[in-house]
């Protein structure tokens, strides 16, 4: 089994946080989004994961080394591929080259999910879906009476289905998918101005391949600040009791921690109340403050603040009045 993770986008909806770090490396409950995604995927298959291809922009060696390390942690080979132009989902996946062979999972790196189902690798393909109210904002699928996918519609302008494609796919024949996507590029076949993965899947379906929907118990979006803060809340709830969320090196002085929370290495919390649903990155200092339902990245310093529903970037320094914040790296507020 191979995994392909397209993550080359600019993450504009997550600015200012994505000005200094790619969106998939923003931490949720103490781990980068993409690491949690890889761990979620690994639990869906009993096959050994041989290779993980990360499709990135020019993010630099530090980011690339981190991604290779994420693959290594689950016993897979990590591979860095580049997408230098945003030409659509099919174009992005094609950048993974010969990783597209045999059993392949494709997962876009701004989504997390919870499911107890295992992939049936004998099926032609699985497309994970979730019912939504705002179906016009998503690619959706239609099903027949046997539960087989009959149609893919990208952001429909009228109702055809509320089953949104969450961005996770399995195909039994990665090489065939690669050839179908290459056909799109070779013949300049676009939809809404881009080369779309769903068009390649539609072509495979017309040739007799059967795609079935994969159902998730919970779908967690990381597309913007509020969605990511909510996802952090849900992940903390899901991981409490099964994952160590407070580092042994953290110092809690005259303070209350309202679980669940993530407290990173060498964090100092003094005269404060933290939680519920707060994630505090390593080397951060919190004094005389109330922090709840928020993500603080690494080396943040906060004093005399009441913070809720916020994301604070690394090395930020804050003090003063209560806020609902989305503050980028190296910011200072007093």
C-alpha atoms as a PDB file:
ATOM      1  CA  UNK A   1       0.000   0.000   0.000  1.00  0.00           C
ATOM      2  CA  UNK A   2       1.229   3.474  -0.918  1.00  0.00           C
ATOM      3  CA  UNK A   3      -0.111   6.818   0.299  1.00  0.00           C
ATOM      4  CA  UNK A   4      -0.111  10.101  -1.614  1.00  0.00           C
ATOM      5  CA  UNK A   5      -0.717  13.343   0.285  1.00  0.00           C
ATOM      6  CA  UNK A   6      -1.102  16.516  -1.808  1.00  0.00           C
ATOM      7  CA  UNK A   7      -0.258  19.527   0.374  1.00  0.00           C
ATOM      8  CA  UNK A   8       1.277  22.139  -1.910  1.00  0.00           C
ATOM      9  CA  UNK A   9      -1.465  24.748  -1.498  1.00  0.00           C
ATOM     10  CA  UNK A  10      -0.790  28.173   0.019  1.00  0.00           C
ATOM     11  CA  UNK A  11      -3.377  27.799   2.782  1.00  0.00           C
ATOM     12  CA  UNK A  12      -4.684  31.354   2.281  1.00  0.00           C
ATOM     13  CA  UNK A  13      -7.714  30.809   4.530  1.00  0.00           C
ATOM     14  CA  UNK A  14      -5.343  30.045   7.419  1.00  0.00           C
ATOM     15  CA  UNK A  15      -3.274  33.224   7.206  1.00  0.00           C
ATOM     16  CA  UNK A  16      -1.384  34.602   9.099  1.00  0.00           C
ATOM     17  CA  UNK A  17      -0.407  31.127  10.357  1.00  0.00           C
ATOM     18  CA  UNK A  18       0.536  29.840   6.902  1.00  0.00           C
ATOM     19  CA  UNK A  19       2.867  32.752   6.191  1.00  0.00           C
ATOM     20  CA  UNK A  20       5.642  30.932   8.053  1.00  0.00           C
ATOM     21  CA  UNK A  21       4.567  27.270   8.090  1.00  0.00           C
ATOM     22  CA  UNK A  22       2.557  25.115   5.639  1.00  0.00           C
ATOM     23  CA  UNK A  23      -1.021  24.523   6.804  1.00  0.00           C
ATOM     24  CA  UNK A  24      -0.619  20.726   7.212  1.00  0.00           C
ATOM     25  CA  UNK A  25       2.160  21.314   9.761  1.00  0.00           C
ATOM     26  CA  UNK A  26      -0.012  23.411  12.062  1.00  0.00           C
ATOM     27  CA  UNK A  27      -0.389  21.385  15.274  1.00  0.00           C
ATOM     28  CA  UNK A  28      -3.647  19.859  16.443  1.00  0.00           C
ATOM     29  CA  UNK A  29      -3.508  18.422  19.979  1.00  0.00           C
ATOM     30  CA  UNK A  30       0.278  18.584  19.829  1.00  0.00           C
ATOM     31  CA  UNK A  31       0.896  16.920  16.459  1.00  0.00           C
ATOM     32  CA  UNK A  32       0.973  18.394  12.940  1.00  0.00           C
ATOM     33  CA  UNK A  33      -2.293  17.935  11.022  1.00  0.00           C
ATOM     34  CA  UNK A  34      -0.523  15.826   8.391  1.00  0.00           C
ATOM     35  CA  UNK A  35       0.965  13.507  11.018  1.00  0.00           C
ATOM     36  CA  UNK A  36      -2.468  12.862  12.515  1.00  0.00           C
ATOM     37  CA  UNK A  37      -3.811  12.267   8.993  1.00  0.00           C
ATOM     38  CA  UNK A  38      -1.116   9.662   8.294  1.00  0.00           C
ATOM     39  CA  UNK A  39      -1.888   7.938  11.597  1.00  0.00           C
ATOM     40  CA  UNK A  40      -5.631   7.947  10.802  1.00  0.00           C
ATOM     41  CA  UNK A  41      -4.972   6.369   7.398  1.00  0.00           C
ATOM     42  CA  UNK A  42      -2.612   3.739   8.793  1.00  0.00           C
ATOM     43  CA  UNK A  43      -5.399   2.478  11.050  1.00  0.00           C
ATOM     44  CA  UNK A  44      -7.661   1.817   8.052  1.00  0.00           C
ATOM     45  CA  UNK A  45      -5.444  -0.838   6.442  1.00  0.00           C
ATOM     46  CA  UNK A  46      -3.870  -4.125   7.478  1.00  0.00           C
ATOM     47  CA  UNK A  47      -1.412  -3.916   4.576  1.00  0.00           C
ATOM     48  CA  UNK A  48       2.106  -2.640   5.142  1.00  0.00           C
ATOM     49  CA  UNK A  49       2.458   0.951   4.000  1.00  0.00           C
ATOM     50  CA  UNK A  50       5.491   0.940   1.727  1.00  0.00           C
ATOM     51  CA  UNK A  51       5.811   4.574   0.662  1.00  0.00           C
ATOM     52  CA  UNK A  52       4.270   7.948   1.439  1.00  0.00           C
ATOM     53  CA  UNK A  53       4.640  10.669  -1.194  1.00  0.00           C
ATOM     54  CA  UNK A  54       4.164  14.210   0.094  1.00  0.00           C
ATOM     55  CA  UNK A  55       3.372  16.656  -2.718  1.00  0.00           C
ATOM     56  CA  UNK A  56       4.625  20.040  -1.571  1.00  0.00           C
ATOM     57  CA  UNK A  57       5.606  23.513  -2.669  1.00  0.00           C
ATOM     58  CA  UNK A  58       9.103  24.799  -2.063  1.00  0.00           C
ATOM     59  CA  UNK A  59       8.792  24.654   1.719  1.00  0.00           C
ATOM     60  CA  UNK A  60      12.467  24.088   2.529  1.00  0.00           C
ATOM     61  CA  UNK A  61      14.617  21.294   3.937  1.00  0.00           C
ATOM     62  CA  UNK A  62      13.366  21.561   7.526  1.00  0.00           C
ATOM     63  CA  UNK A  63       9.764  20.905   6.462  1.00  0.00           C
ATOM     64  CA  UNK A  64      10.805  18.127   4.099  1.00  0.00           C
ATOM     65  CA  UNK A  65      12.843  16.406   6.819  1.00  0.00           C
ATOM     66  CA  UNK A  66       9.858  16.591   9.157  1.00  0.00           C
ATOM     67  CA  UNK A  67       7.633  14.931   6.553  1.00  0.00           C
ATOM     68  CA  UNK A  68      10.156  12.158   5.910  1.00  0.00           C
ATOM     69  CA  UNK A  69      10.217  11.608   9.673  1.00  0.00           C
ATOM     70  CA  UNK A  70       6.427  11.246   9.802  1.00  0.00           C
ATOM     71  CA  UNK A  71       6.621   8.463   7.204  1.00  0.00           C
ATOM     72  CA  UNK A  72       9.493   6.782   9.023  1.00  0.00           C
ATOM     73  CA  UNK A  73       7.515   6.686  12.269  1.00  0.00           C
ATOM     74  CA  UNK A  74       5.003   4.273  10.745  1.00  0.00           C
ATOM     75  CA  UNK A  75       7.675   2.186   9.005  1.00  0.00           C
ATOM     76  CA  UNK A  76       7.251   3.654   5.516  1.00  0.00           C
ATOM     77  CA  UNK A  77       9.624   5.315   3.080  1.00  0.00           C
ATOM     78  CA  UNK A  78       8.999   9.046   2.751  1.00  0.00           C
ATOM     79  CA  UNK A  79       9.218  10.772  -0.625  1.00  0.00           C
ATOM     80  CA  UNK A  80       9.082  14.493  -1.436  1.00  0.00           C
ATOM     81  CA  UNK A  81       7.472  15.573  -4.713  1.00  0.00           C
ATOM     82  CA  UNK A  82       6.949  19.138  -5.933  1.00  0.00           C
ATOM     83  CA  UNK A  83       3.947  20.869  -7.459  1.00  0.00           C
ATOM     84  CA  UNK A  84       5.095  24.286  -8.645  1.00  0.00           C
ATOM     85  CA  UNK A  85       1.790  25.360 -10.246  1.00  0.00           C
ATOM     86  CA  UNK A  86      -1.728  25.020  -8.776  1.00  0.00           C
ATOM     87  CA  UNK A  87      -3.334  23.257 -11.740  1.00  0.00           C
ATOM     88  CA  UNK A  88      -5.852  21.077  -9.907  1.00  0.00           C
ATOM     89  CA  UNK A  89      -6.144  17.867  -7.930  1.00  0.00           C
ATOM     90  CA  UNK A  90      -5.297  15.494 -10.794  1.00  0.00           C
ATOM     91  CA  UNK A  91      -2.180  17.481 -11.643  1.00  0.00           C
ATOM     92  CA  UNK A  92      -1.106  17.484  -7.984  1.00  0.00           C
ATOM     93  CA  UNK A  93      -1.464  13.727  -7.597  1.00  0.00           C
ATOM     94  CA  UNK A  94       0.418  13.083 -10.849  1.00  0.00           C
ATOM     95  CA  UNK A  95       3.404  14.825  -9.284  1.00  0.00           C
ATOM     96  CA  UNK A  96       3.827  11.693  -7.143  1.00  0.00           C
ATOM     97  CA  UNK A  97       4.990   9.803 -10.257  1.00  0.00           C
ATOM     98  CA  UNK A  98       5.692   6.102  -9.747  1.00  0.00           C
ATOM     99  CA  UNK A  99       4.217   6.079  -6.234  1.00  0.00           C
ATOM    100  CA  UNK A 100       0.941   5.731  -8.160  1.00  0.00           C
ATOM    101  CA  UNK A 101       1.078   1.973  -8.562  1.00  0.00           C
ATOM    102  CA  UNK A 102      -0.926  -0.890  -7.100  1.00  0.00           C
ATOM    103  CA  UNK A 103      -2.989  -0.302  -3.970  1.00  0.00           C
ATOM    104  CA  UNK A 104      -2.958   3.444  -3.315  1.00  0.00           C
ATOM    105  CA  UNK A 105      -4.579   5.799  -0.811  1.00  0.00           C
ATOM    106  CA  UNK A 106      -4.846   9.489  -1.686  1.00  0.00           C
ATOM    107  CA  UNK A 107      -5.579  11.922   1.135  1.00  0.00           C
ATOM    108  CA  UNK A 108      -5.649  15.711   0.998  1.00  0.00           C
ATOM    109  CA  UNK A 109      -3.928  17.225   4.000  1.00  0.00           C
ATOM    110  CA  UNK A 110      -6.585  19.596   5.361  1.00  0.00           C
ATOM    111  CA  UNK A 111      -8.917  16.961   6.750  1.00  0.00           C
ATOM    112  CA  UNK A 112      -8.961  14.459   9.595  1.00  0.00           C
ATOM    113  CA  UNK A 113     -11.442  11.661  10.099  1.00  0.00           C
ATOM    114  CA  UNK A 114     -12.503   8.936  12.498  1.00  0.00           C
ATOM    115  CA  UNK A 115     -13.601   5.513  11.332  1.00  0.00           C
ATOM    116  CA  UNK A 116     -13.338   1.968  12.626  1.00  0.00           C
ATOM    117  CA  UNK A 117     -13.760   0.442   9.157  1.00  0.00           C
ATOM    118  CA  UNK A 118     -10.893  -1.344   7.403  1.00  0.00           C
ATOM    119  CA  UNK A 119     -10.224  -0.998   3.687  1.00  0.00           C
ATOM    120  CA  UNK A 120     -11.377  -3.973   1.625  1.00  0.00           C
ATOM    121  CA  UNK A 121      -8.478  -4.027  -0.831  1.00  0.00           C
ATOM    122  CA  UNK A 122     -10.323  -6.414  -3.179  1.00  0.00           C
ATOM    123  CA  UNK A 123     -12.716  -3.613  -4.187  1.00  0.00           C
ATOM    124  CA  UNK A 124     -11.949  -1.420  -7.190  1.00  0.00           C
ATOM    125  CA  UNK A 125     -12.056   1.759  -5.164  1.00  0.00           C
ATOM    126  CA  UNK A 126     -13.434   3.540  -2.116  1.00  0.00           C
ATOM    127  CA  UNK A 127     -14.271   7.217  -1.797  1.00  0.00           C
ATOM    128  CA  UNK A 128     -14.875   8.462   1.727  1.00  0.00           C
ATOM    129  CA  UNK A 129     -17.950  10.666   2.083  1.00  0.00           C
ATOM    130  CA  UNK A 130     -19.911  12.455   4.771  1.00  0.00           C
ATOM    131  CA  UNK A 131     -23.410  13.984   4.712  1.00  0.00           C
ATOM    132  CA  UNK A 132     -23.345  17.800   4.761  1.00  0.00           C
ATOM    133  CA  UNK A 133     -25.875  20.620   4.711  1.00  0.00           C
ATOM    134  CA  UNK A 134     -23.916  22.988   2.449  1.00  0.00           C
ATOM    135  CA  UNK A 135     -23.497  20.467  -0.385  1.00  0.00           C
ATOM    136  CA  UNK A 136     -22.942  23.224  -2.978  1.00  0.00           C
ATOM    137  CA  UNK A 137     -19.492  23.888  -1.471  1.00  0.00           C
ATOM    138  CA  UNK A 138     -18.186  20.344  -2.046  1.00  0.00           C
ATOM    139  CA  UNK A 139     -17.674  17.648  -4.595  1.00  0.00           C
ATOM    140  CA  UNK A 140     -20.472  15.127  -4.010  1.00  0.00           C
ATOM    141  CA  UNK A 141     -21.357  11.594  -5.143  1.00  0.00           C
ATOM    142  CA  UNK A 142     -24.612   9.981  -6.228  1.00  0.00           C
ATOM    143  CA  UNK A 143     -25.347   6.326  -5.384  1.00  0.00           C
ATOM    144  CA  UNK A 144     -27.553   3.661  -6.964  1.00  0.00           C
ATOM    145  CA  UNK A 145     -29.825   1.297  -5.044  1.00  0.00           C
ATOM    146  CA  UNK A 146     -26.901  -1.098  -4.517  1.00  0.00           C
ATOM    147  CA  UNK A 147     -24.760   1.586  -2.850  1.00  0.00           C
ATOM    148  CA  UNK A 148     -22.363   1.940  -5.796  1.00  0.00           C
ATOM    149  CA  UNK A 149     -21.269   5.429  -6.849  1.00  0.00           C
ATOM    150  CA  UNK A 150     -22.888   6.418 -10.141  1.00  0.00           C
ATOM    151  CA  UNK A 151     -21.857  10.047 -10.498  1.00  0.00           C
ATOM    152  CA  UNK A 152     -19.343  12.646  -9.289  1.00  0.00           C
ATOM    153  CA  UNK A 153     -20.396  16.291  -9.260  1.00  0.00           C
ATOM    154  CA  UNK A 154     -17.940  19.068  -8.391  1.00  0.00           C
ATOM    155  CA  UNK A 155     -19.654  21.857  -6.376  1.00  0.00           C
ATOM    156  CA  UNK A 156     -23.140  21.356  -7.880  1.00  0.00           C
ATOM    157  CA  UNK A 157     -25.294  24.401  -8.629  1.00  0.00           C
ATOM    158  CA  UNK A 158     -28.452  22.401  -7.790  1.00  0.00           C
ATOM    159  CA  UNK A 159     -29.097  19.534  -5.385  1.00  0.00           C
ATOM    160  CA  UNK A 160     -27.999  16.090  -6.554  1.00  0.00           C
ATOM    161  CA  UNK A 161     -26.636  14.639  -3.299  1.00  0.00           C
ATOM    162  CA  UNK A 162     -25.545  15.668   0.193  1.00  0.00           C
ATOM    163  CA  UNK A 163     -22.732  13.084   0.334  1.00  0.00           C
ATOM    164  CA  UNK A 164     -19.611  15.231   0.259  1.00  0.00           C
ATOM    165  CA  UNK A 165     -16.259  13.773  -0.766  1.00  0.00           C
ATOM    166  CA  UNK A 166     -14.007  14.401   2.234  1.00  0.00           C
ATOM    167  CA  UNK A 167     -10.728  14.115   0.304  1.00  0.00           C
ATOM    168  CA  UNK A 168      -9.687  10.519   1.076  1.00  0.00           C
ATOM    169  CA  UNK A 169      -9.662   7.855  -1.665  1.00  0.00           C
ATOM    170  CA  UNK A 170      -8.521   4.258  -2.181  1.00  0.00           C
ATOM    171  CA  UNK A 171      -7.851   2.728  -5.618  1.00  0.00           C
ATOM    172  CA  UNK A 172      -6.815  -0.846  -6.301  1.00  0.00           C
ATOM    173  CA  UNK A 173      -4.951   0.077  -9.493  1.00  0.00           C
ATOM    174  CA  UNK A 174      -2.866   3.192  -8.992  1.00  0.00           C
ATOM    175  CA  UNK A 175      -1.193   2.864 -12.381  1.00  0.00           C
ATOM    176  CA  UNK A 176      -4.544   2.989 -14.173  1.00  0.00           C
ATOM    177  CA  UNK A 177      -5.537   6.102 -12.243  1.00  0.00           C
ATOM    178  CA  UNK A 178      -2.215   7.663 -13.232  1.00  0.00           C
ATOM    179  CA  UNK A 179      -2.874   6.993 -16.935  1.00  0.00           C
ATOM    180  CA  UNK A 180      -6.395   8.439 -16.675  1.00  0.00           C
ATOM    181  CA  UNK A 181      -5.105  11.625 -15.076  1.00  0.00           C
ATOM    182  CA  UNK A 182      -2.310  11.900 -17.633  1.00  0.00           C
ATOM    183  CA  UNK A 183      -4.965  11.686 -20.355  1.00  0.00           C
ATOM    184  CA  UNK A 184      -6.660  14.739 -18.853  1.00  0.00           C
ATOM    185  CA  UNK A 185      -3.437  16.733 -19.010  1.00  0.00           C
ATOM    186  CA  UNK A 186      -2.453  15.521 -22.467  1.00  0.00           C
ATOM    187  CA  UNK A 187      -5.852  16.525 -23.868  1.00  0.00           C
ATOM    188  CA  UNK A 188      -6.290  19.681 -21.741  1.00  0.00           C
ATOM    189  CA  UNK A 189      -9.524  18.399 -20.204  1.00  0.00           C
ATOM    190  CA  UNK A 190     -10.438  20.749 -17.362  1.00  0.00           C
ATOM    191  CA  UNK A 191     -13.420  21.421 -15.161  1.00  0.00           C
ATOM    192  CA  UNK A 192     -13.832  24.795 -13.469  1.00  0.00           C
ATOM    193  CA  UNK A 193     -10.430  25.701 -14.932  1.00  0.00           C
ATOM    194  CA  UNK A 194      -8.467  22.814 -13.370  1.00  0.00           C
ATOM    195  CA  UNK A 195      -7.548  19.176 -13.944  1.00  0.00           C
ATOM    196  CA  UNK A 196      -9.869  17.305 -11.583  1.00  0.00           C
ATOM    197  CA  UNK A 197      -9.305  13.927  -9.937  1.00  0.00           C
ATOM    198  CA  UNK A 198     -13.053  13.239 -10.132  1.00  0.00           C
ATOM    199  CA  UNK A 199     -12.907  13.399 -13.945  1.00  0.00           C
ATOM    200  CA  UNK A 200     -10.297  10.620 -13.960  1.00  0.00           C
ATOM    201  CA  UNK A 201     -12.404   8.567 -11.537  1.00  0.00           C
ATOM    202  CA  UNK A 202     -15.452   9.116 -13.766  1.00  0.00           C
ATOM    203  CA  UNK A 203     -13.531   7.733 -16.752  1.00  0.00           C
ATOM    204  CA  UNK A 204     -12.518   4.649 -14.740  1.00  0.00           C
ATOM    205  CA  UNK A 205     -16.149   4.170 -13.710  1.00  0.00           C
ATOM    206  CA  UNK A 206     -17.293   4.262 -17.351  1.00  0.00           C
ATOM    207  CA  UNK A 207     -14.782   1.473 -18.076  1.00  0.00           C
ATOM    208  CA  UNK A 208     -16.404  -0.776 -15.472  1.00  0.00           C
ATOM    209  CA  UNK A 209     -14.649   0.082 -12.229  1.00  0.00           C
ATOM    210  CA  UNK A 210     -16.966   0.164  -9.240  1.00  0.00           C
ATOM    211  CA  UNK A 211     -16.428   2.771  -6.552  1.00  0.00           C
ATOM    212  CA  UNK A 212     -18.178   2.447  -3.225  1.00  0.00           C
ATOM    213  CA  UNK A 213     -18.592   5.064  -0.489  1.00  0.00           C
ATOM    214  CA  UNK A 214     -16.545   4.836   2.686  1.00  0.00           C
ATOM    215  CA  UNK A 215     -18.379   6.127   5.729  1.00  0.00           C
ATOM    216  CA  UNK A 216     -16.685   7.990   8.550  1.00  0.00           C
ATOM    217  CA  UNK A 217     -17.878   8.393  12.116  1.00  0.00           C
ATOM    218  CA  UNK A 218     -16.566  11.932  12.211  1.00  0.00           C
ATOM    219  CA  UNK A 219     -15.065  14.324   9.663  1.00  0.00           C
ATOM    220  CA  UNK A 220     -12.897  17.141  10.974  1.00  0.00           C
ATOM    221  CA  UNK A 221     -11.962  20.046   8.733  1.00  0.00           C
ATOM    222  CA  UNK A 222      -8.789  22.108   9.148  1.00  0.00           C
ATOM    223  CA  UNK A 223      -9.512  24.653   6.431  1.00  0.00           C
ATOM    224  CA  UNK A 224      -9.623  27.821   8.521  1.00  0.00           C
ATOM    225  CA  UNK A 225      -8.905  29.081  12.022  1.00  0.00           C
ATOM    226  CA  UNK A 226     -12.299  28.362  13.599  1.00  0.00           C
ATOM    227  CA  UNK A 227     -12.541  24.909  12.021  1.00  0.00           C
ATOM    228  CA  UNK A 228      -9.016  24.033  13.191  1.00  0.00           C
ATOM    229  CA  UNK A 229      -9.721  25.175  16.758  1.00  0.00           C
ATOM    230  CA  UNK A 230     -12.844  22.979  16.739  1.00  0.00           C
ATOM    231  CA  UNK A 231     -10.857  20.067  15.329  1.00  0.00           C
ATOM    232  CA  UNK A 232      -8.305  20.511  18.115  1.00  0.00           C
ATOM    233  CA  UNK A 233     -11.190  20.274  20.607  1.00  0.00           C
ATOM    234  CA  UNK A 234     -12.526  17.068  19.076  1.00  0.00           C
ATOM    235  CA  UNK A 235      -9.111  15.410  18.755  1.00  0.00           C
ATOM    236  CA  UNK A 236      -8.376  16.142  22.421  1.00  0.00           C
ATOM    237  CA  UNK A 237     -11.672  14.506  23.358  1.00  0.00           C
ATOM    238  CA  UNK A 238     -11.002  11.482  21.133  1.00  0.00           C
ATOM    239  CA  UNK A 239      -7.409  10.991  22.325  1.00  0.00           C
ATOM    240  CA  UNK A 240      -7.867  11.446  26.080  1.00  0.00           C
ATOM    241  CA  UNK A 241      -7.014   8.230  27.847  1.00  0.00           C
ATOM    242  CA  UNK A 242      -5.309   6.703  24.802  1.00  0.00           C
ATOM    243  CA  UNK A 243      -2.527   9.211  24.095  1.00  0.00           C
ATOM    244  CA  UNK A 244      -0.168  10.963  26.501  1.00  0.00           C
ATOM    245  CA  UNK A 245      -1.156  14.600  26.295  1.00  0.00           C
ATOM    246  CA  UNK A 246       0.967  16.224  29.025  1.00  0.00           C
ATOM    247  CA  UNK A 247       4.772  16.161  28.795  1.00  0.00           C
ATOM    248  CA  UNK A 248       6.728  15.055  31.835  1.00  0.00           C
ATOM    249  CA  UNK A 249       8.895  18.185  31.581  1.00  0.00           C
ATOM    250  CA  UNK A 250       5.942  20.589  31.848  1.00  0.00           C
ATOM    251  CA  UNK A 251       5.844  22.693  35.031  1.00  0.00           C
ATOM    252  CA  UNK A 252       2.390  23.415  36.465  1.00  0.00           C
ATOM    253  CA  UNK A 253       2.703  25.980  39.291  1.00  0.00           C
ATOM    254  CA  UNK A 254      -0.318  27.036  41.369  1.00  0.00           C
ATOM    255  CA  UNK A 255      -2.533  26.393  38.350  1.00  0.00           C
ATOM    256  CA  UNK A 256      -5.550  24.341  37.270  1.00  0.00           C
ATOM    257  CA  UNK A 257      -5.599  22.199  34.122  1.00  0.00           C
ATOM    258  CA  UNK A 258      -9.163  21.428  32.993  1.00  0.00           C
ATOM    259  CA  UNK A 259      -8.860  18.301  30.864  1.00  0.00           C
ATOM    260  CA  UNK A 260      -8.624  17.436  28.094  1.00  0.00           C
ATOM    261  CA  UNK A 261      -5.602  19.554  27.199  1.00  0.00           C
ATOM    262  CA  UNK A 262      -2.275  19.078  25.458  1.00  0.00           C
ATOM    263  CA  UNK A 263       0.711  20.484  27.378  1.00  0.00           C
ATOM    264  CA  UNK A 264       4.019  20.264  25.495  1.00  0.00           C
ATOM    265  CA  UNK A 265       7.620  19.813  26.592  1.00  0.00           C
ATOM    266  CA  UNK A 266       9.154  22.446  28.898  1.00  0.00           C
ATOM    267  CA  UNK A 267       5.918  24.425  29.137  1.00  0.00           C
ATOM    268  CA  UNK A 268       5.574  26.597  32.253  1.00  0.00           C
ATOM    269  CA  UNK A 269       2.063  27.405  33.495  1.00  0.00           C
ATOM    270  CA  UNK A 270       1.854  29.617  36.585  1.00  0.00           C
ATOM    271  CA  UNK A 271      -1.121  31.126  38.436  1.00  0.00           C
ATOM    272  CA  UNK A 272      -3.399  30.220  35.537  1.00  0.00           C
ATOM    273  CA  UNK A 273      -6.379  28.124  34.465  1.00  0.00           C
ATOM    274  CA  UNK A 274      -5.839  26.208  31.230  1.00  0.00           C
ATOM    275  CA  UNK A 275      -8.597  24.260  29.494  1.00  0.00           C
ATOM    276  CA  UNK A 276     -10.710  22.637  28.581  1.00  0.00           C
ATOM    277  CA  UNK A 277      -9.590  21.999  24.995  1.00  0.00           C
ATOM    278  CA  UNK A 278      -6.357  23.975  25.049  1.00  0.00           C
ATOM    279  CA  UNK A 279      -3.154  22.889  23.304  1.00  0.00           C
ATOM    280  CA  UNK A 280       0.044  24.553  24.539  1.00  0.00           C
ATOM    281  CA  UNK A 281       3.143  23.999  22.382  1.00  0.00           C
ATOM    282  CA  UNK A 282       6.620  23.269  23.711  1.00  0.00           C
ATOM    283  CA  UNK A 283       8.693  25.938  25.507  1.00  0.00           C
ATOM    284  CA  UNK A 284       5.654  28.183  26.016  1.00  0.00           C
ATOM    285  CA  UNK A 285       5.063  30.273  29.163  1.00  0.00           C
ATOM    286  CA  UNK A 286       1.590  31.094  30.507  1.00  0.00           C
ATOM    287  CA  UNK A 287       1.242  33.321  33.588  1.00  0.00           C
ATOM    288  CA  UNK A 288      -1.776  34.836  35.342  1.00  0.00           C
ATOM    289  CA  UNK A 289      -4.031  33.861  32.449  1.00  0.00           C
ATOM    290  CA  UNK A 290      -7.116  31.895  31.438  1.00  0.00           C
ATOM    291  CA  UNK A 291      -6.711  29.833  28.257  1.00  0.00           C
ATOM    292  CA  UNK A 292      -9.528  27.679  26.865  1.00  0.00           C
ATOM    293  CA  UNK A 293     -10.495  26.142  23.528  1.00  0.00           C
ATOM    294  CA  UNK A 294      -7.341  27.463  21.849  1.00  0.00           C
ATOM    295  CA  UNK A 295      -4.128  26.408  20.119  1.00  0.00           C
ATOM    296  CA  UNK A 296      -0.835  27.960  21.211  1.00  0.00           C
ATOM    297  CA  UNK A 297       2.081  26.881  19.040  1.00  0.00           C
ATOM    298  CA  UNK A 298       5.707  26.707  20.240  1.00  0.00           C
ATOM    299  CA  UNK A 299       7.568  29.221  22.415  1.00  0.00           C
ATOM    300  CA  UNK A 300       4.543  31.447  23.038  1.00  0.00           C
ATOM    301  CA  UNK A 301       4.635  33.827  26.028  1.00  0.00           C
ATOM    302  CA  UNK A 302       1.312  34.925  27.528  1.00  0.00           C
ATOM    303  CA  UNK A 303       0.684  36.979  30.650  1.00  0.00           C
ATOM    304  CA  UNK A 304      -2.476  38.489  32.144  1.00  0.00           C
ATOM    305  CA  UNK A 305      -4.701  37.303  29.283  1.00  0.00           C
ATOM    306  CA  UNK A 306      -8.119  35.701  28.948  1.00  0.00           C
ATOM    307  CA  UNK A 307      -8.039  33.791  25.660  1.00  0.00           C
ATOM    308  CA  UNK A 308     -10.714  31.622  24.062  1.00  0.00           C
ATOM    309  CA  UNK A 309     -11.351  30.244  20.563  1.00  0.00           C
ATOM    310  CA  UNK A 310      -7.917  31.398  19.410  1.00  0.00           C
ATOM    311  CA  UNK A 311      -4.830  30.325  17.479  1.00  0.00           C
ATOM    312  CA  UNK A 312      -1.496  31.837  18.481  1.00  0.00           C
ATOM    313  CA  UNK A 313       1.600  31.357  16.324  1.00  0.00           C
ATOM    314  CA  UNK A 314       5.057  30.366  17.517  1.00  0.00           C
ATOM    315  CA  UNK A 315       7.189  32.926  19.387  1.00  0.00           C
ATOM    316  CA  UNK A 316       4.224  35.280  19.858  1.00  0.00           C
ATOM    317  CA  UNK A 317       4.219  37.475  22.984  1.00  0.00           C
ATOM    318  CA  UNK A 318       0.898  38.650  24.464  1.00  0.00           C
ATOM    319  CA  UNK A 319      -0.284  40.471  27.533  1.00  0.00           C
ATOM    320  CA  UNK A 320      -3.325  42.516  28.484  1.00  0.00           C
ATOM    321  CA  UNK A 321      -7.059  42.285  27.756  1.00  0.00           C
ATOM    322  CA  UNK A 322      -9.250  39.266  26.785  1.00  0.00           C
ATOM    323  CA  UNK A 323      -9.438  38.369  23.078  1.00  0.00           C
ATOM    324  CA  UNK A 324     -10.603  35.951  20.400  1.00  0.00           C
ATOM    325  CA  UNK A 325      -7.378  35.832  18.386  1.00  0.00           C
ATOM    326  CA  UNK A 326      -5.765  34.508  15.251  1.00  0.00           C
ATOM    327  CA  UNK A 327      -2.193  35.709  15.687  1.00  0.00           C
ATOM    328  CA  UNK A 328       0.740  34.699  13.525  1.00  0.00           C
ATOM    329  CA  UNK A 329       4.294  33.684  14.401  1.00  0.00           C
ATOM    330  CA  UNK A 330       6.595  36.216  16.091  1.00  0.00           C
ATOM    331  CA  UNK A 331       3.719  38.639  16.803  1.00  0.00           C
ATOM    332  CA  UNK A 332       3.713  40.884  19.862  1.00  0.00           C
ATOM    333  CA  UNK A 333       0.570  42.267  21.459  1.00  0.00           C
ATOM    334  CA  UNK A 334       0.309  44.221  24.704  1.00  0.00           C
END
